[in-house]
Amino acid sequence: MSFDIWLDCYRKGKPSPFKREVFEAIFLRFCSNPESYTKNPNFMQVQYRDGSQADIYMSNLNDEVLAEARKKAGGLIPPEEVDDVLERAKGDPAFIQHVGFNHCGGAALFQGMYELAHRTGSIIHWPDDDPMFVYADETVLKELSSDFEEWRKRLVRSGADIINAIETS
């Protein structure tokens, strides 16, 4: 698939980081560029025996720094200041708050996405005119902010279920 798919964790209605070691337990053994990942732990390429692959982007931003920058700017951070703000807002590298998958596809990859969502209590979503997310555990629903109330949602039990949800959304 050639569009972005995102995985985000929420607790008490707010974005919440999870331990990087959970992500690495699922994806690191399929990393096709381990030296590059060591140098830049915010990006990983994975490739599986079945041909599944993805470019994976990770971030953990300090919400307080972002909020302060938005307040100072009076709303949106000006484009010329975004890079500086993002550099100052980097959170603890032992945690991940947001994962983006691009240039991705394949059964093994989607099974990994499912495992990560299940183990971290996260949702998986993608761009759509009628927004939708999938989740692997019912308890996730009570952790989301009210922003997600109007979104379509679907419980998934496997990577194949995620593929089906994307294809039928």
N, C-alpha and C. Protein backbone atom coordinates (compact mmCIF):
# COMPACT_ATOMS: atom_id res chain seq x y z
N MET A 1 0.85 -1.18 0.00
CA MET A 1 0.00 0.00 0.00
C MET A 1 0.89 1.23 0.00
N SER A 2 0.44 2.26 -0.65
CA SER A 2 1.29 3.43 -0.78
C SER A 2 0.78 4.64 -0.01
N PHE A 3 -0.05 4.44 0.97
CA PHE A 3 -0.48 5.56 1.80
C PHE A 3 -0.04 5.31 3.24
N ASP A 4 -0.17 6.33 4.07
CA ASP A 4 0.27 6.23 5.46
C ASP A 4 -0.75 5.47 6.30
N ILE A 5 -0.23 4.69 7.21
CA ILE A 5 -1.03 4.01 8.23
C ILE A 5 -0.37 4.37 9.56
N TRP A 6 -1.17 4.76 10.54
CA TRP A 6 -0.61 5.22 11.80
C TRP A 6 -1.08 4.36 12.95
N LEU A 7 -0.21 4.21 13.93
CA LEU A 7 -0.53 3.53 15.17
C LEU A 7 -0.28 4.51 16.30
N ASP A 8 -1.30 4.74 17.13
CA ASP A 8 -1.19 5.68 18.24
C ASP A 8 -1.79 5.08 19.50
N CYS A 9 -1.15 5.38 20.60
CA CYS A 9 -1.60 4.91 21.91
C CYS A 9 -2.17 6.10 22.68
N TYR A 10 -3.29 5.88 23.35
CA TYR A 10 -3.93 6.93 24.16
C TYR A 10 -4.23 6.39 25.55
N ARG A 11 -4.08 7.25 26.53
CA ARG A 11 -4.48 6.95 27.90
C ARG A 11 -5.19 8.19 28.43
N LYS A 12 -6.35 7.98 29.00
CA LYS A 12 -7.14 9.07 29.57
C LYS A 12 -7.34 10.21 28.57
N GLY A 13 -7.54 9.85 27.30
CA GLY A 13 -7.84 10.83 26.27
C GLY A 13 -6.65 11.56 25.69
N LYS A 14 -5.45 11.22 26.12
CA LYS A 14 -4.27 11.92 25.63
C LYS A 14 -3.27 10.95 25.01
N PRO A 15 -2.49 11.43 24.02
CA PRO A 15 -1.45 10.56 23.46
C PRO A 15 -0.54 10.06 24.57
N SER A 16 -0.19 8.79 24.51
CA SER A 16 0.60 8.18 25.58
C SER A 16 1.70 7.30 24.98
N PRO A 17 2.93 7.49 25.42
CA PRO A 17 4.02 6.67 24.90
C PRO A 17 4.01 5.26 25.45
N PHE A 18 4.63 4.35 24.70
CA PHE A 18 4.83 2.98 25.15
C PHE A 18 6.32 2.65 25.00
N LYS A 19 6.77 1.59 25.64
CA LYS A 19 8.19 1.25 25.64
C LYS A 19 8.66 0.83 24.25
N ARG A 20 9.78 1.40 23.83
CA ARG A 20 10.38 1.07 22.54
C ARG A 20 10.70 -0.41 22.46
N GLU A 21 11.04 -1.02 23.58
CA GLU A 21 11.40 -2.45 23.57
C GLU A 21 10.24 -3.33 23.09
N VAL A 22 9.01 -2.89 23.27
CA VAL A 22 7.86 -3.65 22.76
C VAL A 22 7.86 -3.59 21.23
N PHE A 23 8.07 -2.39 20.69
CA PHE A 23 8.17 -2.23 19.23
C PHE A 23 9.31 -3.09 18.68
N GLU A 24 10.47 -2.99 19.30
CA GLU A 24 11.65 -3.71 18.81
C GLU A 24 11.48 -5.22 18.89
N ALA A 25 10.79 -5.72 19.90
CA ALA A 25 10.57 -7.17 20.02
C ALA A 25 9.78 -7.70 18.82
N ILE A 26 8.94 -6.87 18.24
CA ILE A 26 8.11 -7.28 17.11
C ILE A 26 8.80 -7.04 15.77
N PHE A 27 9.47 -5.91 15.61
CA PHE A 27 9.97 -5.50 14.30
C PHE A 27 11.48 -5.57 14.08
N LEU A 28 12.28 -5.49 15.13
CA LEU A 28 13.73 -5.35 14.94
C LEU A 28 14.35 -6.52 14.18
N ARG A 29 13.88 -7.73 14.40
CA ARG A 29 14.49 -8.88 13.70
C ARG A 29 14.24 -8.84 12.19
N PHE A 30 13.32 -8.00 11.75
CA PHE A 30 13.04 -7.86 10.31
C PHE A 30 13.64 -6.57 9.72
N CYS A 31 14.39 -5.85 10.54
CA CYS A 31 15.00 -4.59 10.10
C CYS A 31 16.04 -4.88 9.02
N SER A 32 15.88 -4.21 7.89
CA SER A 32 16.81 -4.42 6.77
C SER A 32 18.01 -3.47 6.83
N ASN A 33 18.01 -2.54 7.78
CA ASN A 33 19.10 -1.57 7.90
C ASN A 33 19.44 -1.31 9.37
N PRO A 34 19.90 -2.33 10.12
CA PRO A 34 20.12 -2.15 11.55
C PRO A 34 21.13 -1.06 11.92
N GLU A 35 22.17 -0.87 11.10
CA GLU A 35 23.15 0.18 11.41
C GLU A 35 22.50 1.57 11.31
N SER A 36 21.70 1.74 10.29
CA SER A 36 21.00 3.01 10.09
C SER A 36 20.00 3.26 11.23
N TYR A 37 19.29 2.20 11.64
CA TYR A 37 18.34 2.34 12.74
C TYR A 37 19.05 2.72 14.04
N THR A 38 20.23 2.14 14.27
CA THR A 38 21.00 2.48 15.48
C THR A 38 21.36 3.96 15.48
N LYS A 39 21.74 4.48 14.32
CA LYS A 39 22.11 5.90 14.21
C LYS A 39 20.89 6.81 14.29
N ASN A 40 19.77 6.37 13.71
CA ASN A 40 18.54 7.17 13.70
C ASN A 40 17.38 6.29 14.15
N PRO A 41 17.15 6.20 15.46
CA PRO A 41 16.09 5.31 15.96
C PRO A 41 14.67 5.81 15.72
N ASN A 42 14.52 6.82 14.88
CA ASN A 42 13.19 7.30 14.52
C ASN A 42 12.74 6.77 13.17
N PHE A 43 13.56 5.90 12.55
CA PHE A 43 13.22 5.35 11.24
C PHE A 43 13.77 3.93 11.12
N MET A 44 12.94 3.05 10.59
CA MET A 44 13.35 1.66 10.36
C MET A 44 12.70 1.17 9.07
N GLN A 45 13.45 0.42 8.30
CA GLN A 45 12.88 -0.30 7.17
C GLN A 45 12.84 -1.77 7.55
N VAL A 46 11.70 -2.41 7.27
CA VAL A 46 11.58 -3.84 7.55
C VAL A 46 11.26 -4.57 6.26
N GLN A 47 11.73 -5.81 6.23
CA GLN A 47 11.46 -6.68 5.08
C GLN A 47 11.33 -8.10 5.61
N TYR A 48 10.27 -8.78 5.17
CA TYR A 48 9.95 -10.12 5.63
C TYR A 48 10.15 -11.14 4.51
N ARG A 49 10.26 -12.39 4.89
CA ARG A 49 10.45 -13.46 3.91
C ARG A 49 9.30 -13.56 2.92
N ASP A 50 8.08 -13.20 3.36
CA ASP A 50 6.93 -13.31 2.46
C ASP A 50 6.81 -12.10 1.51
N GLY A 51 7.79 -11.20 1.56
CA GLY A 51 7.76 -10.02 0.71
C GLY A 51 7.14 -8.80 1.38
N SER A 52 6.59 -8.97 2.57
CA SER A 52 6.06 -7.83 3.31
C SER A 52 7.19 -6.83 3.57
N GLN A 53 6.83 -5.55 3.58
CA GLN A 53 7.84 -4.53 3.86
C GLN A 53 7.19 -3.25 4.30
N ALA A 54 8.00 -2.35 4.85
CA ALA A 54 7.50 -1.04 5.25
C ALA A 54 8.65 -0.11 5.59
N ASP A 55 8.41 1.16 5.40
CA ASP A 55 9.22 2.21 6.00
C ASP A 55 8.45 2.61 7.26
N ILE A 56 9.12 2.58 8.40
CA ILE A 56 8.45 2.85 9.67
C ILE A 56 9.09 4.07 10.32
N TYR A 57 8.25 5.03 10.66
CA TYR A 57 8.69 6.26 11.32
C TYR A 57 8.13 6.27 12.74
N MET A 58 8.97 6.62 13.72
CA MET A 58 8.54 6.66 15.11
C MET A 58 8.86 8.01 15.73
N SER A 59 8.03 8.43 16.66
CA SER A 59 8.32 9.66 17.38
C SER A 59 7.80 9.57 18.80
N ASN A 60 8.41 10.36 19.63
CA ASN A 60 7.94 10.56 21.00
C ASN A 60 8.23 12.02 21.32
N LEU A 61 7.22 12.85 21.19
CA LEU A 61 7.41 14.28 21.39
C LEU A 61 6.90 14.71 22.75
N ASN A 62 7.58 15.69 23.32
CA ASN A 62 7.22 16.26 24.60
C ASN A 62 6.06 17.23 24.39
N ASP A 63 4.88 16.86 24.85
CA ASP A 63 3.68 17.67 24.63
C ASP A 63 3.77 19.04 25.29
N GLU A 64 4.48 19.15 26.41
CA GLU A 64 4.60 20.44 27.09
C GLU A 64 5.39 21.43 26.24
N VAL A 65 6.48 20.97 25.61
CA VAL A 65 7.27 21.84 24.74
C VAL A 65 6.42 22.26 23.54
N LEU A 66 5.68 21.32 22.96
CA LEU A 66 4.83 21.66 21.81
C LEU A 66 3.74 22.66 22.21
N ALA A 67 3.11 22.45 23.35
CA ALA A 67 2.05 23.35 23.80
C ALA A 67 2.61 24.75 24.05
N GLU A 68 3.78 24.83 24.65
CA GLU A 68 4.41 26.12 24.90
C GLU A 68 4.71 26.84 23.59
N ALA A 69 5.23 26.11 22.61
CA ALA A 69 5.54 26.71 21.30
C ALA A 69 4.26 27.18 20.61
N ARG A 70 3.19 26.40 20.71
CA ARG A 70 1.91 26.80 20.09
C ARG A 70 1.36 28.06 20.77
N LYS A 71 1.48 28.10 22.09
CA LYS A 71 0.99 29.25 22.85
C LYS A 71 1.77 30.50 22.45
N LYS A 72 3.09 30.37 22.39
CA LYS A 72 3.94 31.49 22.01
C LYS A 72 3.61 31.98 20.60
N ALA A 73 3.31 31.05 19.70
CA ALA A 73 2.99 31.41 18.31
C ALA A 73 1.56 31.88 18.15
N GLY A 74 0.74 31.69 19.17
CA GLY A 74 -0.67 32.08 19.08
C GLY A 74 -1.49 31.12 18.24
N GLY A 75 -1.07 29.87 18.18
CA GLY A 75 -1.78 28.85 17.41
C GLY A 75 -0.80 27.93 16.73
N LEU A 76 -0.86 27.87 15.42
CA LEU A 76 0.05 27.00 14.68
C LEU A 76 1.48 27.53 14.74
N ILE A 77 2.42 26.63 14.84
CA ILE A 77 3.83 27.00 14.87
C ILE A 77 4.23 27.41 13.45
N PRO A 78 4.84 28.57 13.28
CA PRO A 78 5.23 29.01 11.94
C PRO A 78 6.18 28.01 11.29
N PRO A 79 6.04 27.80 9.99
CA PRO A 79 6.87 26.80 9.29
C PRO A 79 8.37 26.98 9.51
N GLU A 80 8.83 28.23 9.60
CA GLU A 80 10.26 28.46 9.79
C GLU A 80 10.75 28.07 11.18
N GLU A 81 9.84 27.81 12.11
CA GLU A 81 10.22 27.43 13.47
C GLU A 81 9.97 25.95 13.77
N VAL A 82 9.30 25.25 12.87
CA VAL A 82 8.89 23.86 13.14
C VAL A 82 10.09 22.97 13.45
N ASP A 83 11.14 23.03 12.64
CA ASP A 83 12.29 22.15 12.86
C ASP A 83 12.92 22.38 14.23
N ASP A 84 13.07 23.65 14.61
CA ASP A 84 13.65 23.96 15.92
C ASP A 84 12.76 23.45 17.05
N VAL A 85 11.46 23.65 16.93
CA VAL A 85 10.52 23.20 17.97
C VAL A 85 10.55 21.67 18.08
N LEU A 86 10.52 20.98 16.94
CA LEU A 86 10.55 19.51 16.98
C LEU A 86 11.84 18.99 17.59
N GLU A 87 12.95 19.66 17.33
CA GLU A 87 14.22 19.25 17.93
C GLU A 87 14.17 19.41 19.45
N ARG A 88 13.61 20.52 19.92
CA ARG A 88 13.50 20.75 21.37
C ARG A 88 12.46 19.86 22.02
N ALA A 89 11.50 19.39 21.25
CA ALA A 89 10.38 18.62 21.81
C ALA A 89 10.64 17.12 21.87
N LYS A 90 11.81 16.67 21.44
CA LYS A 90 12.07 15.23 21.46
C LYS A 90 11.95 14.69 22.88
N GLY A 91 11.17 13.63 23.00
CA GLY A 91 10.96 13.00 24.30
C GLY A 91 11.99 11.90 24.56
N ASP A 92 11.79 11.16 25.60
CA ASP A 92 12.67 10.07 26.00
C ASP A 92 12.74 9.03 24.88
N PRO A 93 13.94 8.73 24.34
CA PRO A 93 14.06 7.78 23.24
C PRO A 93 13.73 6.33 23.62
N ALA A 94 13.58 6.04 24.90
CA ALA A 94 13.20 4.69 25.33
C ALA A 94 11.71 4.44 25.12
N PHE A 95 10.98 5.48 24.69
CA PHE A 95 9.55 5.38 24.49
C PHE A 95 9.17 5.84 23.09
N ILE A 96 8.04 5.35 22.62
CA ILE A 96 7.48 5.74 21.33
C ILE A 96 6.03 6.15 21.57
N GLN A 97 5.63 7.24 20.94
CA GLN A 97 4.26 7.72 21.10
C GLN A 97 3.44 7.52 19.82
N HIS A 98 4.10 7.59 18.69
CA HIS A 98 3.41 7.56 17.40
C HIS A 98 4.25 6.74 16.42
N VAL A 99 3.60 5.85 15.66
CA VAL A 99 4.30 5.06 14.65
C VAL A 99 3.58 5.26 13.32
N GLY A 100 4.34 5.55 12.29
CA GLY A 100 3.79 5.69 10.95
C GLY A 100 4.39 4.65 10.02
N PHE A 101 3.54 4.00 9.26
CA PHE A 101 3.98 2.98 8.29
C PHE A 101 3.71 3.53 6.90
N ASN A 102 4.71 3.46 6.01
CA ASN A 102 4.54 3.93 4.65
C ASN A 102 5.20 2.94 3.70
N HIS A 103 4.77 2.96 2.44
CA HIS A 103 5.27 2.00 1.43
C HIS A 103 5.20 0.59 2.01
N CYS A 104 4.04 0.26 2.52
CA CYS A 104 3.92 -0.97 3.29
C CYS A 104 2.88 -1.92 2.71
N GLY A 105 3.06 -3.16 3.03
CA GLY A 105 2.11 -4.18 2.63
C GLY A 105 2.62 -5.56 2.98
N GLY A 106 1.73 -6.52 2.94
CA GLY A 106 2.07 -7.90 3.19
C GLY A 106 1.50 -8.43 4.49
N ALA A 107 1.13 -9.70 4.46
CA ALA A 107 0.48 -10.33 5.60
C ALA A 107 1.33 -10.29 6.87
N ALA A 108 2.62 -10.59 6.76
CA ALA A 108 3.48 -10.63 7.95
C ALA A 108 3.59 -9.26 8.60
N LEU A 109 3.71 -8.21 7.79
CA LEU A 109 3.78 -6.85 8.33
C LEU A 109 2.50 -6.50 9.09
N PHE A 110 1.36 -6.77 8.48
CA PHE A 110 0.10 -6.43 9.15
C PHE A 110 -0.12 -7.26 10.42
N GLN A 111 0.40 -8.46 10.45
CA GLN A 111 0.33 -9.24 11.69
C GLN A 111 1.19 -8.57 12.76
N GLY A 112 2.35 -8.03 12.37
CA GLY A 112 3.18 -7.28 13.32
C GLY A 112 2.48 -6.03 13.83
N MET A 113 1.79 -5.31 12.94
CA MET A 113 1.00 -4.15 13.36
C MET A 113 -0.05 -4.55 14.38
N TYR A 114 -0.74 -5.66 14.08
CA TYR A 114 -1.76 -6.14 15.01
C TYR A 114 -1.14 -6.43 16.38
N GLU A 115 -0.01 -7.15 16.39
CA GLU A 115 0.64 -7.50 17.65
C GLU A 115 1.02 -6.25 18.44
N LEU A 116 1.56 -5.24 17.73
CA LEU A 116 1.94 -4.00 18.42
C LEU A 116 0.71 -3.30 18.99
N ALA A 117 -0.36 -3.21 18.22
CA ALA A 117 -1.59 -2.58 18.72
C ALA A 117 -2.13 -3.33 19.93
N HIS A 118 -2.12 -4.65 19.85
CA HIS A 118 -2.63 -5.47 20.95
C HIS A 118 -1.78 -5.30 22.22
N ARG A 119 -0.48 -5.36 22.07
CA ARG A 119 0.42 -5.29 23.23
C ARG A 119 0.50 -3.91 23.85
N THR A 120 0.23 -2.86 23.07
CA THR A 120 0.34 -1.49 23.60
C THR A 120 -1.00 -0.82 23.85
N GLY A 121 -2.09 -1.47 23.49
CA GLY A 121 -3.40 -0.85 23.66
C GLY A 121 -3.57 0.35 22.74
N SER A 122 -3.14 0.21 21.50
CA SER A 122 -3.16 1.32 20.54
C SER A 122 -4.26 1.13 19.50
N ILE A 123 -4.49 2.21 18.76
CA ILE A 123 -5.39 2.14 17.61
C ILE A 123 -4.56 2.26 16.34
N ILE A 124 -5.10 1.76 15.25
CA ILE A 124 -4.48 1.88 13.93
C ILE A 124 -5.47 2.62 13.05
N HIS A 125 -4.98 3.64 12.34
CA HIS A 125 -5.87 4.43 11.48
C HIS A 125 -5.14 4.87 10.24
N TRP A 126 -5.88 5.35 9.26
CA TRP A 126 -5.35 5.73 7.96
C TRP A 126 -6.22 6.84 7.39
N PRO A 127 -5.72 7.55 6.37
CA PRO A 127 -6.53 8.63 5.79
C PRO A 127 -7.77 8.08 5.09
N ASP A 128 -8.88 8.71 5.31
CA ASP A 128 -10.13 8.30 4.68
C ASP A 128 -11.11 9.46 4.78
N ASP A 129 -11.97 9.60 3.80
CA ASP A 129 -12.98 10.67 3.84
C ASP A 129 -13.92 10.49 5.02
N ASP A 130 -14.17 9.25 5.39
CA ASP A 130 -15.02 8.92 6.53
C ASP A 130 -14.10 8.21 7.54
N PRO A 131 -13.48 8.97 8.46
CA PRO A 131 -12.42 8.42 9.31
C PRO A 131 -12.80 7.12 10.03
N MET A 132 -11.81 6.25 10.12
CA MET A 132 -12.01 4.95 10.75
C MET A 132 -10.74 4.54 11.48
N PHE A 133 -10.90 3.78 12.56
CA PHE A 133 -9.75 3.16 13.20
C PHE A 133 -10.11 1.74 13.58
N VAL A 134 -9.06 0.93 13.76
CA VAL A 134 -9.24 -0.43 14.25
C VAL A 134 -8.51 -0.56 15.58
N TYR A 135 -8.97 -1.50 16.38
CA TYR A 135 -8.38 -1.72 17.70
C TYR A 135 -8.40 -3.22 17.99
N ALA A 136 -7.48 -3.65 18.84
CA ALA A 136 -7.33 -5.08 19.12
C ALA A 136 -7.86 -5.47 20.49
N ASP A 137 -8.30 -4.50 21.27
CA ASP A 137 -8.74 -4.77 22.63
C ASP A 137 -9.83 -3.76 23.00
N GLU A 138 -10.95 -4.24 23.49
CA GLU A 138 -12.10 -3.38 23.84
C GLU A 138 -11.74 -2.28 24.84
N THR A 139 -10.77 -2.52 25.73
CA THR A 139 -10.43 -1.52 26.75
C THR A 139 -9.86 -0.24 26.15
N VAL A 140 -9.38 -0.31 24.91
CA VAL A 140 -8.82 0.87 24.24
C VAL A 140 -9.87 1.96 24.10
N LEU A 141 -11.10 1.59 23.85
CA LEU A 141 -12.16 2.57 23.58
C LEU A 141 -12.35 3.56 24.71
N LYS A 142 -12.23 3.11 25.94
CA LYS A 142 -12.43 4.03 27.07
C LYS A 142 -11.26 4.99 27.28
N GLU A 143 -10.13 4.74 26.62
CA GLU A 143 -8.95 5.59 26.76
C GLU A 143 -8.89 6.73 25.74
N LEU A 144 -9.72 6.67 24.72
CA LEU A 144 -9.67 7.66 23.64
C LEU A 144 -10.33 8.97 24.03
N SER A 145 -9.88 10.04 23.38
CA SER A 145 -10.52 11.34 23.60
C SER A 145 -11.86 11.37 22.85
N SER A 146 -12.66 12.35 23.15
CA SER A 146 -13.96 12.48 22.49
C SER A 146 -13.82 12.77 21.00
N ASP A 147 -12.62 13.15 20.56
CA ASP A 147 -12.38 13.39 19.13
C ASP A 147 -12.68 12.17 18.27
N PHE A 148 -12.62 10.98 18.87
CA PHE A 148 -12.82 9.74 18.13
C PHE A 148 -14.26 9.22 18.19
N GLU A 149 -15.14 9.89 18.89
CA GLU A 149 -16.51 9.39 19.07
C GLU A 149 -17.24 9.19 17.75
N GLU A 150 -17.04 10.08 16.80
CA GLU A 150 -17.76 10.03 15.53
C GLU A 150 -17.08 9.13 14.49
N TRP A 151 -15.88 8.66 14.79
CA TRP A 151 -15.15 7.81 13.84
C TRP A 151 -15.78 6.43 13.79
N ARG A 152 -15.73 5.82 12.62
CA ARG A 152 -16.10 4.41 12.52
C ARG A 152 -14.99 3.61 13.20
N LYS A 153 -15.36 2.50 13.77
CA LYS A 153 -14.37 1.69 14.48
C LYS A 153 -14.66 0.22 14.27
N ARG A 154 -13.60 -0.59 14.34
CA ARG A 154 -13.77 -2.02 14.14
C ARG A 154 -12.76 -2.77 15.01
N LEU A 155 -13.25 -3.76 15.71
CA LEU A 155 -12.40 -4.66 16.48
C LEU A 155 -11.73 -5.63 15.51
N VAL A 156 -10.42 -5.80 15.65
CA VAL A 156 -9.69 -6.74 14.79
C VAL A 156 -9.02 -7.79 15.66
N ARG A 157 -8.84 -8.98 15.09
CA ARG A 157 -8.22 -10.09 15.81
C ARG A 157 -6.97 -10.62 15.11
N SER A 158 -6.55 -9.94 14.02
CA SER A 158 -5.38 -10.41 13.27
C SER A 158 -4.95 -9.33 12.28
N GLY A 159 -3.78 -9.55 11.71
CA GLY A 159 -3.33 -8.67 10.64
C GLY A 159 -4.24 -8.74 9.43
N ALA A 160 -4.76 -9.94 9.15
CA ALA A 160 -5.69 -10.10 8.02
C ALA A 160 -6.94 -9.24 8.22
N ASP A 161 -7.40 -9.12 9.47
CA ASP A 161 -8.55 -8.27 9.76
C ASP A 161 -8.25 -6.80 9.47
N ILE A 162 -7.00 -6.37 9.74
CA ILE A 162 -6.62 -4.98 9.45
C ILE A 162 -6.66 -4.75 7.94
N ILE A 163 -6.08 -5.68 7.18
CA ILE A 163 -6.10 -5.56 5.72
C ILE A 163 -7.53 -5.47 5.22
N ASN A 164 -8.40 -6.32 5.75
CA ASN A 164 -9.80 -6.30 5.33
C ASN A 164 -10.46 -4.97 5.68
N ALA A 165 -10.17 -4.42 6.86
CA ALA A 165 -10.76 -3.14 7.26
C ALA A 165 -10.32 -2.02 6.33
N ILE A 166 -9.06 -2.02 5.95
CA ILE A 166 -8.55 -0.99 5.03
C ILE A 166 -9.21 -1.14 3.66
N GLU A 167 -9.26 -2.37 3.17
CA GLU A 167 -9.80 -2.60 1.84
C GLU A 167 -11.29 -2.30 1.74
N THR A 168 -12.02 -2.42 2.84
CA THR A 168 -13.47 -2.21 2.81
C THR A 168 -13.88 -0.86 3.38
N SER A 169 -12.90 -0.02 3.74
CA SER A 169 -13.27 1.29 4.32
C SER A 169 -13.58 2.31 3.26
